[in-house]
Amino acid sequence: MTPDEHFDRIAEELAPHGAVAGAMFGKRALKAQGRAFACLKGELLAVKLGDGTSAHRAALELTGAELFDPSEKGRPFKDWVAVPATHADRWVDLAGTALDTIAS
């Protein structure tokens, strides 16, 4: 599956929980309650997990994962983790956790 196909699957699975497709920085994103919680940028899925949370720490431990820097100018978002497509099998769970994070 391509990253776009994985993203479509995430959107479909999380729609019953209030996720809607949208855009963030001109990229495909998922939002709930008007707030973005996931964003697809090329081969990366960025998810808002909350700096200092166990989910945030675990995501950063995945090979190739890093803080999400949408501008690529050395100013990453501390609450967001960008996870490469090599871990696409984890994307649904990560996005679900991100959705739960903004819903609470």
C-alpha atoms as a PDB file:
ATOM      1  CA  MET A   1       0.000   0.000   0.000  1.00  0.00           C
ATOM      2  CA  THR A   2       1.102   3.556  -0.643  1.00  0.00           C
ATOM      3  CA  PRO A   3       1.205   6.149   2.146  1.00  0.00           C
ATOM      4  CA  ASP A   4      -1.932   7.727   0.632  1.00  0.00           C
ATOM      5  CA  GLU A   5      -3.738   4.391   0.733  1.00  0.00           C
ATOM      6  CA  HIS A   6      -2.715   3.889   4.361  1.00  0.00           C
ATOM      7  CA  PHE A   7      -3.972   7.399   5.129  1.00  0.00           C
ATOM      8  CA  ASP A   8      -7.309   6.626   3.457  1.00  0.00           C
ATOM      9  CA  ARG A   9      -7.634   3.512   5.628  1.00  0.00           C
ATOM     10  CA  ILE A  10      -6.903   5.530   8.765  1.00  0.00           C
ATOM     11  CA  ALA A  11      -9.504   8.135   7.780  1.00  0.00           C
ATOM     12  CA  GLU A  12     -12.074   5.399   7.185  1.00  0.00           C
ATOM     13  CA  GLU A  13     -11.366   3.633  10.475  1.00  0.00           C
ATOM     14  CA  LEU A  14     -11.430   6.812  12.561  1.00  0.00           C
ATOM     15  CA  ALA A  15     -14.431   8.471  10.892  1.00  0.00           C
ATOM     16  CA  PRO A  16     -16.908   6.816  13.283  1.00  0.00           C
ATOM     17  CA  HIS A  17     -14.936   8.417  16.142  1.00  0.00           C
ATOM     18  CA  GLY A  18     -15.295  11.951  14.774  1.00  0.00           C
ATOM     19  CA  ALA A  19     -12.298  12.201  12.435  1.00  0.00           C
ATOM     20  CA  VAL A  20     -12.805  14.215   9.266  1.00  0.00           C
ATOM     21  CA  ALA A  21     -10.456  14.766   6.342  1.00  0.00           C
ATOM     22  CA  GLY A  22      -8.958  18.192   5.940  1.00  0.00           C
ATOM     23  CA  ALA A  23      -5.685  19.946   5.260  1.00  0.00           C
ATOM     24  CA  MET A  24      -2.768  21.214   7.310  1.00  0.00           C
ATOM     25  CA  PHE A  25       0.118  23.110   5.712  1.00  0.00           C
ATOM     26  CA  GLY A  26      -1.304  22.116   2.331  1.00  0.00           C
ATOM     27  CA  LYS A  27      -1.030  18.411   3.183  1.00  0.00           C
ATOM     28  CA  ARG A  28      -3.701  15.817   3.838  1.00  0.00           C
ATOM     29  CA  ALA A  29      -4.753  15.840   7.462  1.00  0.00           C
ATOM     30  CA  LEU A  30      -7.271  14.400   9.862  1.00  0.00           C
ATOM     31  CA  LYS A  31      -9.133  16.649  12.250  1.00  0.00           C
ATOM     32  CA  ALA A  32     -11.628  16.329  15.054  1.00  0.00           C
ATOM     33  CA  GLN A  33     -13.430  19.150  16.810  1.00  0.00           C
ATOM     34  CA  GLY A  34     -11.724  21.499  14.337  1.00  0.00           C
ATOM     35  CA  ARG A  35      -8.230  20.491  15.469  1.00  0.00           C
ATOM     36  CA  ALA A  36      -5.675  18.546  13.452  1.00  0.00           C
ATOM     37  CA  PHE A  37      -4.272  15.381  14.994  1.00  0.00           C
ATOM     38  CA  ALA A  38      -2.625  13.655  12.008  1.00  0.00           C
ATOM     39  CA  CYS A  39      -0.954  14.877   8.838  1.00  0.00           C
ATOM     40  CA  LEU A  40       0.530  13.025   5.864  1.00  0.00           C
ATOM     41  CA  LYS A  41       3.709  14.564   4.494  1.00  0.00           C
ATOM     42  CA  GLY A  42       5.238  12.433   1.784  1.00  0.00           C
ATOM     43  CA  GLU A  43       6.309   9.149   3.347  1.00  0.00           C
ATOM     44  CA  LEU A  44       5.663  10.386   6.903  1.00  0.00           C
ATOM     45  CA  LEU A  45       2.570  10.374   9.069  1.00  0.00           C
ATOM     46  CA  ALA A  46       2.811  13.065  11.720  1.00  0.00           C
ATOM     47  CA  VAL A  47       0.651  12.577  14.793  1.00  0.00           C
ATOM     48  CA  LYS A  48      -0.022  14.877  17.733  1.00  0.00           C
ATOM     49  CA  LEU A  49       0.708  12.742  20.786  1.00  0.00           C
ATOM     50  CA  GLY A  50       1.639  15.344  23.386  1.00  0.00           C
ATOM     51  CA  ASP A  51       5.193  16.036  24.479  1.00  0.00           C
ATOM     52  CA  GLY A  52       6.176  13.937  27.470  1.00  0.00           C
ATOM     53  CA  THR A  53       3.453  11.313  27.119  1.00  0.00           C
ATOM     54  CA  SER A  54       4.293   7.626  26.995  1.00  0.00           C
ATOM     55  CA  ALA A  55       2.816   7.421  23.481  1.00  0.00           C
ATOM     56  CA  HIS A  56       5.050  10.302  22.339  1.00  0.00           C
ATOM     57  CA  ARG A  57       8.157   8.648  23.788  1.00  0.00           C
ATOM     58  CA  ALA A  58       7.270   5.261  22.275  1.00  0.00           C
ATOM     59  CA  ALA A  59       6.665   6.779  18.841  1.00  0.00           C
ATOM     60  CA  LEU A  60      10.029   8.546  18.925  1.00  0.00           C
ATOM     61  CA  GLU A  61      11.702   5.199  19.638  1.00  0.00           C
ATOM     62  CA  LEU A  62      10.552   3.829  16.266  1.00  0.00           C
ATOM     63  CA  THR A  63      13.391   3.702  13.767  1.00  0.00           C
ATOM     64  CA  GLY A  64      13.382   6.842  11.625  1.00  0.00           C
ATOM     65  CA  ALA A  65      10.774   8.666  13.719  1.00  0.00           C
ATOM     66  CA  GLU A  66      11.460  12.263  14.680  1.00  0.00           C
ATOM     67  CA  LEU A  67       9.735  15.395  15.871  1.00  0.00           C
ATOM     68  CA  PHE A  68       7.565  16.798  13.075  1.00  0.00           C
ATOM     69  CA  ASP A  69       9.132  19.834  11.414  1.00  0.00           C
ATOM     70  CA  PRO A  70       6.647  20.856   8.699  1.00  0.00           C
ATOM     71  CA  SER A  71       8.735  23.829   7.566  1.00  0.00           C
ATOM     72  CA  GLU A  72      11.961  21.781   7.527  1.00  0.00           C
ATOM     73  CA  LYS A  73      13.733  24.797   9.025  1.00  0.00           C
ATOM     74  CA  GLY A  74      14.745  23.321  12.365  1.00  0.00           C
ATOM     75  CA  ARG A  75      11.576  24.355  14.203  1.00  0.00           C
ATOM     76  CA  PRO A  76       9.827  21.079  15.055  1.00  0.00           C
ATOM     77  CA  PHE A  77       6.497  20.867  16.812  1.00  0.00           C
ATOM     78  CA  LYS A  78       7.263  19.377  20.220  1.00  0.00           C
ATOM     79  CA  ASP A  79       3.880  17.618  20.537  1.00  0.00           C
ATOM     80  CA  TRP A  80       4.056  15.951  17.111  1.00  0.00           C
ATOM     81  CA  VAL A  81       5.995  12.873  15.974  1.00  0.00           C
ATOM     82  CA  ALA A  82       6.611  12.077  12.288  1.00  0.00           C
ATOM     83  CA  VAL A  83       6.644   8.322  11.707  1.00  0.00           C
ATOM     84  CA  PRO A  84       7.992   6.927   8.410  1.00  0.00           C
ATOM     85  CA  ALA A  85       6.030   4.600   6.141  1.00  0.00           C
ATOM     86  CA  THR A  86       8.265   1.707   7.202  1.00  0.00           C
ATOM     87  CA  HIS A  87       6.020   1.688  10.290  1.00  0.00           C
ATOM     88  CA  ALA A  88       2.733   2.128   8.399  1.00  0.00           C
ATOM     89  CA  ASP A  89       1.374  -0.910  10.228  1.00  0.00           C
ATOM     90  CA  ARG A  90       1.430   1.263  13.376  1.00  0.00           C
ATOM     91  CA  TRP A  91      -0.131   4.371  11.807  1.00  0.00           C
ATOM     92  CA  VAL A  92      -3.762   3.520  12.611  1.00  0.00           C
ATOM     93  CA  ASP A  93      -2.980   2.962  16.286  1.00  0.00           C
ATOM     94  CA  LEU A  94      -0.860   6.108  16.480  1.00  0.00           C
ATOM     95  CA  ALA A  95      -3.549   8.208  14.813  1.00  0.00           C
ATOM     96  CA  GLY A  96      -6.170   6.710  17.129  1.00  0.00           C
ATOM     97  CA  THR A  97      -4.066   7.655  20.138  1.00  0.00           C
ATOM     98  CA  ALA A  98      -3.635  11.168  18.734  1.00  0.00           C
ATOM     99  CA  LEU A  99      -7.407  11.454  18.257  1.00  0.00           C
ATOM    100  CA  ASP A 100      -7.955  10.332  21.853  1.00  0.00           C
ATOM    101  CA  THR A 101      -5.395  12.915  23.001  1.00  0.00           C
ATOM    102  CA  ILE A 102      -7.206  15.874  21.448  1.00  0.00           C
ATOM    103  CA  ALA A 103     -10.644  14.560  22.419  1.00  0.00           C
ATOM    104  CA  SER A 104      -9.800  14.558  26.124  1.00  0.00           C
END
